[in-house]
């Protein structure tokens, strides 16, 4: 019985550590653009990430929204850019009416959901921003 309890506890601890992977969370108002910035009470923070994430952060429709980003500072120096997790980790959220929502994009014509702004891959219409509650099935933070 003791071995089973220990094994279960160890597996839960390792799973939690792997899922967080040393990431931190920062929250503030987004100032999108070619060099996106997060405006926080402590001051502006420059944001970096992979191409897909930067594409989302450059979307002007997200301007001044209450945003939460998962990642870590690029270095220990004060004022260092914040490195956001890759797009496939779903690390960009907004808060609306007290709910934490993922940033997604939706084509009304084709019913296709994407995770970066732009035109639909099918009909070539512009996709709309669609904030969506994160489901457990959407959790790709433990994907290899």
C-alpha atoms as a PDB file:
ATOM      1  CA  UNK A   1       0.000   0.000   0.000  1.00  0.00           C
ATOM      2  CA  UNK A   2       2.818   2.379   0.865  1.00  0.00           C
ATOM      3  CA  UNK A   3       4.557   1.702  -2.458  1.00  0.00           C
ATOM      4  CA  UNK A   4       1.368   2.418  -4.414  1.00  0.00           C
ATOM      5  CA  UNK A   5       0.802   5.706  -2.556  1.00  0.00           C
ATOM      6  CA  UNK A   6       4.418   6.752  -3.090  1.00  0.00           C
ATOM      7  CA  UNK A   7       4.317   5.848  -6.794  1.00  0.00           C
ATOM      8  CA  UNK A   8       1.064   7.754  -7.329  1.00  0.00           C
ATOM      9  CA  UNK A   9       2.386  10.811  -5.478  1.00  0.00           C
ATOM     10  CA  UNK A  10       5.664  10.723  -7.403  1.00  0.00           C
ATOM     11  CA  UNK A  11       3.869  10.434 -10.745  1.00  0.00           C
ATOM     12  CA  UNK A  12       1.629  13.409  -9.872  1.00  0.00           C
ATOM     13  CA  UNK A  13       4.630  15.501  -8.814  1.00  0.00           C
ATOM     14  CA  UNK A  14       6.648  14.672 -11.934  1.00  0.00           C
ATOM     15  CA  UNK A  15       3.612  15.355 -14.152  1.00  0.00           C
ATOM     16  CA  UNK A  16       3.079  18.752 -12.531  1.00  0.00           C
ATOM     17  CA  UNK A  17       6.757  19.675 -12.862  1.00  0.00           C
ATOM     18  CA  UNK A  18       6.815  18.576 -16.502  1.00  0.00           C
ATOM     19  CA  UNK A  19       3.615  20.481 -17.316  1.00  0.00           C
ATOM     20  CA  UNK A  20       4.852  23.767 -15.850  1.00  0.00           C
ATOM     21  CA  UNK A  21       8.375  23.257 -17.206  1.00  0.00           C
ATOM     22  CA  UNK A  22       9.668  26.286 -15.334  1.00  0.00           C
ATOM     23  CA  UNK A  23       7.248  28.645 -17.054  1.00  0.00           C
ATOM     24  CA  UNK A  24       6.008  31.834 -15.473  1.00  0.00           C
ATOM     25  CA  UNK A  25       2.930  33.902 -16.092  1.00  0.00           C
ATOM     26  CA  UNK A  26       2.780  37.637 -16.728  1.00  0.00           C
ATOM     27  CA  UNK A  27      -0.331  39.726 -17.146  1.00  0.00           C
ATOM     28  CA  UNK A  28      -1.003  43.199 -18.467  1.00  0.00           C
ATOM     29  CA  UNK A  29      -2.350  45.219 -21.395  1.00  0.00           C
ATOM     30  CA  UNK A  30      -1.051  44.254 -24.818  1.00  0.00           C
ATOM     31  CA  UNK A  31       0.494  46.849 -27.100  1.00  0.00           C
ATOM     32  CA  UNK A  32       0.630  44.883 -30.389  1.00  0.00           C
ATOM     33  CA  UNK A  33       2.799  45.634 -33.356  1.00  0.00           C
ATOM     34  CA  UNK A  34       6.067  44.554 -34.972  1.00  0.00           C
ATOM     35  CA  UNK A  35       7.706  44.651 -31.513  1.00  0.00           C
ATOM     36  CA  UNK A  36       4.874  43.712 -29.130  1.00  0.00           C
ATOM     37  CA  UNK A  37       4.999  44.967 -25.558  1.00  0.00           C
ATOM     38  CA  UNK A  38       3.069  44.093 -22.440  1.00  0.00           C
ATOM     39  CA  UNK A  39       2.178  47.107 -20.305  1.00  0.00           C
ATOM     40  CA  UNK A  40       2.333  46.115 -16.630  1.00  0.00           C
ATOM     41  CA  UNK A  41       2.197  48.130 -13.388  1.00  0.00           C
ATOM     42  CA  UNK A  42       5.973  47.534 -13.082  1.00  0.00           C
ATOM     43  CA  UNK A  43       6.556  48.992 -16.554  1.00  0.00           C
ATOM     44  CA  UNK A  44       6.545  47.809 -20.169  1.00  0.00           C
ATOM     45  CA  UNK A  45       7.957  44.374 -20.981  1.00  0.00           C
ATOM     46  CA  UNK A  46       9.256  43.530 -24.448  1.00  0.00           C
ATOM     47  CA  UNK A  47       7.927  40.203 -25.737  1.00  0.00           C
ATOM     48  CA  UNK A  48       9.671  37.558 -27.823  1.00  0.00           C
ATOM     49  CA  UNK A  49       8.612  34.153 -29.070  1.00  0.00           C
ATOM     50  CA  UNK A  50       8.342  31.950 -32.109  1.00  0.00           C
ATOM     51  CA  UNK A  51       6.998  33.316 -35.389  1.00  0.00           C
ATOM     52  CA  UNK A  52       3.420  32.111 -34.789  1.00  0.00           C
ATOM     53  CA  UNK A  53       3.227  33.609 -31.311  1.00  0.00           C
ATOM     54  CA  UNK A  54       4.639  36.937 -32.519  1.00  0.00           C
ATOM     55  CA  UNK A  55       2.094  36.912 -35.340  1.00  0.00           C
ATOM     56  CA  UNK A  56      -0.711  36.611 -32.756  1.00  0.00           C
ATOM     57  CA  UNK A  57       0.823  39.318 -30.551  1.00  0.00           C
ATOM     58  CA  UNK A  58       1.023  41.627 -33.568  1.00  0.00           C
ATOM     59  CA  UNK A  59      -2.746  41.404 -34.154  1.00  0.00           C
ATOM     60  CA  UNK A  60      -4.135  44.927 -33.657  1.00  0.00           C
ATOM     61  CA  UNK A  61      -7.513  43.480 -32.606  1.00  0.00           C
ATOM     62  CA  UNK A  62      -5.872  42.445 -29.297  1.00  0.00           C
ATOM     63  CA  UNK A  63      -4.790  45.997 -28.463  1.00  0.00           C
ATOM     64  CA  UNK A  64      -5.385  47.057 -24.851  1.00  0.00           C
ATOM     65  CA  UNK A  65      -6.892  43.706 -23.851  1.00  0.00           C
ATOM     66  CA  UNK A  66      -6.069  42.160 -20.478  1.00  0.00           C
ATOM     67  CA  UNK A  67      -3.610  39.451 -21.570  1.00  0.00           C
ATOM     68  CA  UNK A  68      -1.812  36.643 -19.736  1.00  0.00           C
ATOM     69  CA  UNK A  69       1.289  35.110 -21.292  1.00  0.00           C
ATOM     70  CA  UNK A  70       3.142  31.958 -20.267  1.00  0.00           C
ATOM     71  CA  UNK A  71       6.901  31.716 -20.650  1.00  0.00           C
ATOM     72  CA  UNK A  72      10.005  32.993 -18.919  1.00  0.00           C
ATOM     73  CA  UNK A  73      12.378  35.952 -18.996  1.00  0.00           C
ATOM     74  CA  UNK A  74      15.030  35.604 -21.705  1.00  0.00           C
ATOM     75  CA  UNK A  75      17.709  36.316 -19.065  1.00  0.00           C
ATOM     76  CA  UNK A  76      18.037  37.209 -15.393  1.00  0.00           C
ATOM     77  CA  UNK A  77      18.866  40.844 -16.192  1.00  0.00           C
ATOM     78  CA  UNK A  78      16.256  43.457 -15.220  1.00  0.00           C
ATOM     79  CA  UNK A  79      14.235  44.586 -18.220  1.00  0.00           C
ATOM     80  CA  UNK A  80      15.046  41.426 -20.174  1.00  0.00           C
ATOM     81  CA  UNK A  81      12.496  40.447 -22.842  1.00  0.00           C
ATOM     82  CA  UNK A  82       9.897  37.866 -21.865  1.00  0.00           C
ATOM     83  CA  UNK A  83      10.200  34.682 -23.981  1.00  0.00           C
ATOM     84  CA  UNK A  84       6.711  33.279 -24.575  1.00  0.00           C
ATOM     85  CA  UNK A  85       6.240  29.536 -24.979  1.00  0.00           C
ATOM     86  CA  UNK A  86       5.828  28.258 -28.553  1.00  0.00           C
ATOM     87  CA  UNK A  87       2.440  28.608 -30.245  1.00  0.00           C
ATOM     88  CA  UNK A  88       1.624  24.894 -29.927  1.00  0.00           C
ATOM     89  CA  UNK A  89       1.768  25.227 -26.119  1.00  0.00           C
ATOM     90  CA  UNK A  90      -1.223  27.633 -26.139  1.00  0.00           C
ATOM     91  CA  UNK A  91       0.450  30.306 -24.006  1.00  0.00           C
ATOM     92  CA  UNK A  92      -1.599  33.405 -24.927  1.00  0.00           C
ATOM     93  CA  UNK A  93      -4.804  34.144 -23.002  1.00  0.00           C
ATOM     94  CA  UNK A  94      -7.154  37.066 -22.522  1.00  0.00           C
ATOM     95  CA  UNK A  95      -9.459  37.839 -19.621  1.00  0.00           C
ATOM     96  CA  UNK A  96     -13.048  38.789 -20.399  1.00  0.00           C
ATOM     97  CA  UNK A  97     -15.792  38.973 -17.767  1.00  0.00           C
ATOM     98  CA  UNK A  98     -13.458  37.281 -15.278  1.00  0.00           C
ATOM     99  CA  UNK A  99     -12.852  34.263 -17.532  1.00  0.00           C
ATOM    100  CA  UNK A 100      -9.481  33.140 -18.872  1.00  0.00           C
ATOM    101  CA  UNK A 101      -9.874  32.525 -22.605  1.00  0.00           C
ATOM    102  CA  UNK A 102      -7.556  31.227 -25.328  1.00  0.00           C
ATOM    103  CA  UNK A 103      -6.952  33.402 -28.364  1.00  0.00           C
ATOM    104  CA  UNK A 104      -8.119  31.556 -31.478  1.00  0.00           C
ATOM    105  CA  UNK A 105      -9.283  32.562 -34.931  1.00  0.00           C
ATOM    106  CA  UNK A 106     -12.443  31.306 -36.624  1.00  0.00           C
ATOM    107  CA  UNK A 107     -13.726  31.225 -40.194  1.00  0.00           C
ATOM    108  CA  UNK A 108     -17.502  31.594 -40.116  1.00  0.00           C
ATOM    109  CA  UNK A 109     -17.867  30.373 -43.705  1.00  0.00           C
ATOM    110  CA  UNK A 110     -15.826  27.158 -43.462  1.00  0.00           C
ATOM    111  CA  UNK A 111     -16.012  26.490 -39.692  1.00  0.00           C
ATOM    112  CA  UNK A 112     -12.242  26.213 -39.491  1.00  0.00           C
ATOM    113  CA  UNK A 113     -10.389  27.216 -36.308  1.00  0.00           C
ATOM    114  CA  UNK A 114      -6.777  28.364 -36.439  1.00  0.00           C
ATOM    115  CA  UNK A 115      -4.380  29.749 -33.864  1.00  0.00           C
ATOM    116  CA  UNK A 116      -2.888  32.593 -35.910  1.00  0.00           C
ATOM    117  CA  UNK A 117      -4.611  35.535 -37.602  1.00  0.00           C
ATOM    118  CA  UNK A 118      -4.966  35.782 -41.343  1.00  0.00           C
ATOM    119  CA  UNK A 119      -7.080  34.422 -44.126  1.00  0.00           C
ATOM    120  CA  UNK A 120      -8.891  31.092 -44.057  1.00  0.00           C
ATOM    121  CA  UNK A 121      -6.931  28.315 -45.749  1.00  0.00           C
ATOM    122  CA  UNK A 122     -10.106  27.277 -47.574  1.00  0.00           C
ATOM    123  CA  UNK A 123     -12.160  30.295 -48.676  1.00  0.00           C
ATOM    124  CA  UNK A 124      -9.492  33.006 -48.211  1.00  0.00           C
ATOM    125  CA  UNK A 125     -11.853  35.190 -46.114  1.00  0.00           C
ATOM    126  CA  UNK A 126     -10.323  36.987 -43.123  1.00  0.00           C
ATOM    127  CA  UNK A 127     -10.665  34.961 -39.901  1.00  0.00           C
ATOM    128  CA  UNK A 128     -12.321  36.545 -36.867  1.00  0.00           C
ATOM    129  CA  UNK A 129     -10.824  36.616 -33.391  1.00  0.00           C
ATOM    130  CA  UNK A 130     -12.631  33.995 -31.316  1.00  0.00           C
ATOM    131  CA  UNK A 131     -11.863  33.774 -27.599  1.00  0.00           C
ATOM    132  CA  UNK A 132     -12.471  30.245 -26.384  1.00  0.00           C
ATOM    133  CA  UNK A 133     -12.474  28.593 -22.986  1.00  0.00           C
ATOM    134  CA  UNK A 134      -9.574  26.206 -22.665  1.00  0.00           C
ATOM    135  CA  UNK A 135     -10.623  22.600 -22.485  1.00  0.00           C
ATOM    136  CA  UNK A 136      -8.579  19.797 -20.964  1.00  0.00           C
ATOM    137  CA  UNK A 137      -8.382  18.261 -24.456  1.00  0.00           C
ATOM    138  CA  UNK A 138      -6.677  21.485 -25.605  1.00  0.00           C
ATOM    139  CA  UNK A 139      -3.862  21.064 -23.074  1.00  0.00           C
ATOM    140  CA  UNK A 140      -0.797  20.460 -25.193  1.00  0.00           C
ATOM    141  CA  UNK A 141       1.640  21.622 -22.520  1.00  0.00           C
ATOM    142  CA  UNK A 142       2.808  18.054 -21.970  1.00  0.00           C
ATOM    143  CA  UNK A 143       3.187  17.274 -25.683  1.00  0.00           C
ATOM    144  CA  UNK A 144       6.647  16.187 -26.721  1.00  0.00           C
END
